Amino acid sequence: MNPKEYKYTQEHEWICPESGDKGKVGITDYAQSQLGDIVFIELLSPGTQVEQSQKIGE
């Protein structure tokens, strides 16, 4: 992955588009340092259509 392909939010999250309509998501190093250990996340079901800025998990 090339960091130039990443799209970032103001909340320090990112998405890296992949082939088709798929992508990888994550958080920046800064967000990781502020949050500490993340032990659980809950995401929408695979295949769920989302809009820009829509919340996709807890």
Protein backbone atom coordinates (compact mmCIF):
# COMPACT_ATOMS: atom_id res chain seq x y z
CA MET A 1 0.00 0.00 0.00
CA ASN A 2 1.17 3.44 -0.86
CA PRO A 3 0.33 6.11 1.76
CA LYS A 4 -0.56 8.47 -1.11
CA GLU A 5 -3.58 6.25 -1.80
CA TYR A 6 -4.94 6.67 1.74
CA LYS A 7 -7.87 9.02 2.38
CA TYR A 8 -7.94 10.53 5.90
CA THR A 9 -10.68 11.94 8.12
CA GLN A 10 -10.27 14.82 10.56
CA GLU A 11 -10.74 12.24 13.33
CA HIS A 12 -7.50 10.42 12.35
CA GLU A 13 -9.12 7.48 10.58
CA TRP A 14 -8.12 6.33 7.11
CA ILE A 15 -9.28 4.17 4.21
CA CYS A 16 -7.12 2.70 1.50
CA PRO A 17 -9.20 1.78 -1.56
CA GLU A 18 -8.62 -1.68 -3.02
CA SER A 19 -9.97 -3.38 -6.13
CA GLY A 20 -13.65 -2.97 -6.86
CA ASP A 21 -15.69 -1.56 -4.00
CA LYS A 22 -13.44 -2.80 -1.20
CA GLY A 23 -10.95 -1.03 1.03
CA LYS A 24 -8.91 -1.32 4.21
CA VAL A 25 -9.63 1.00 7.13
CA GLY A 26 -7.56 1.97 10.14
CA ILE A 27 -6.47 4.76 12.44
CA THR A 28 -3.38 6.93 12.37
CA ASP A 29 -0.38 6.55 14.66
CA TYR A 30 -1.56 9.65 16.52
CA ALA A 31 -5.00 8.12 17.17
CA GLN A 32 -3.36 4.90 18.34
CA SER A 33 -1.20 6.79 20.82
CA GLN A 34 -4.23 8.67 22.19
CA LEU A 35 -6.56 5.66 22.43
CA GLY A 36 -4.24 3.03 23.83
CA ASP A 37 -5.12 -0.61 23.29
CA ILE A 38 -8.22 -1.34 21.23
CA VAL A 39 -9.58 -4.70 22.36
CA PHE A 40 -12.93 -4.84 20.52
CA ILE A 41 -14.69 -3.22 17.58
CA GLU A 42 -18.11 -3.90 16.08
CA LEU A 43 -18.51 -3.23 12.34
CA LEU A 44 -21.42 -3.25 9.91
CA SER A 45 -22.10 -6.51 8.09
CA PRO A 46 -19.98 -7.18 4.97
CA GLY A 47 -21.66 -5.84 1.84
CA THR A 48 -23.51 -3.04 3.65
CA GLN A 49 -23.63 0.09 1.48
CA VAL A 50 -22.37 3.24 3.23
CA GLU A 51 -22.25 6.94 2.43
CA GLN A 52 -19.39 9.36 2.96
CA SER A 53 -18.96 10.26 6.65
CA GLN A 54 -21.38 7.51 7.74
CA LYS A 55 -20.44 5.72 10.95
CA ILE A 56 -19.39 2.12 10.18
CA GLY A 57 -18.63 0.77 13.63
CA GLU A 58 -18.45 1.15 17.38
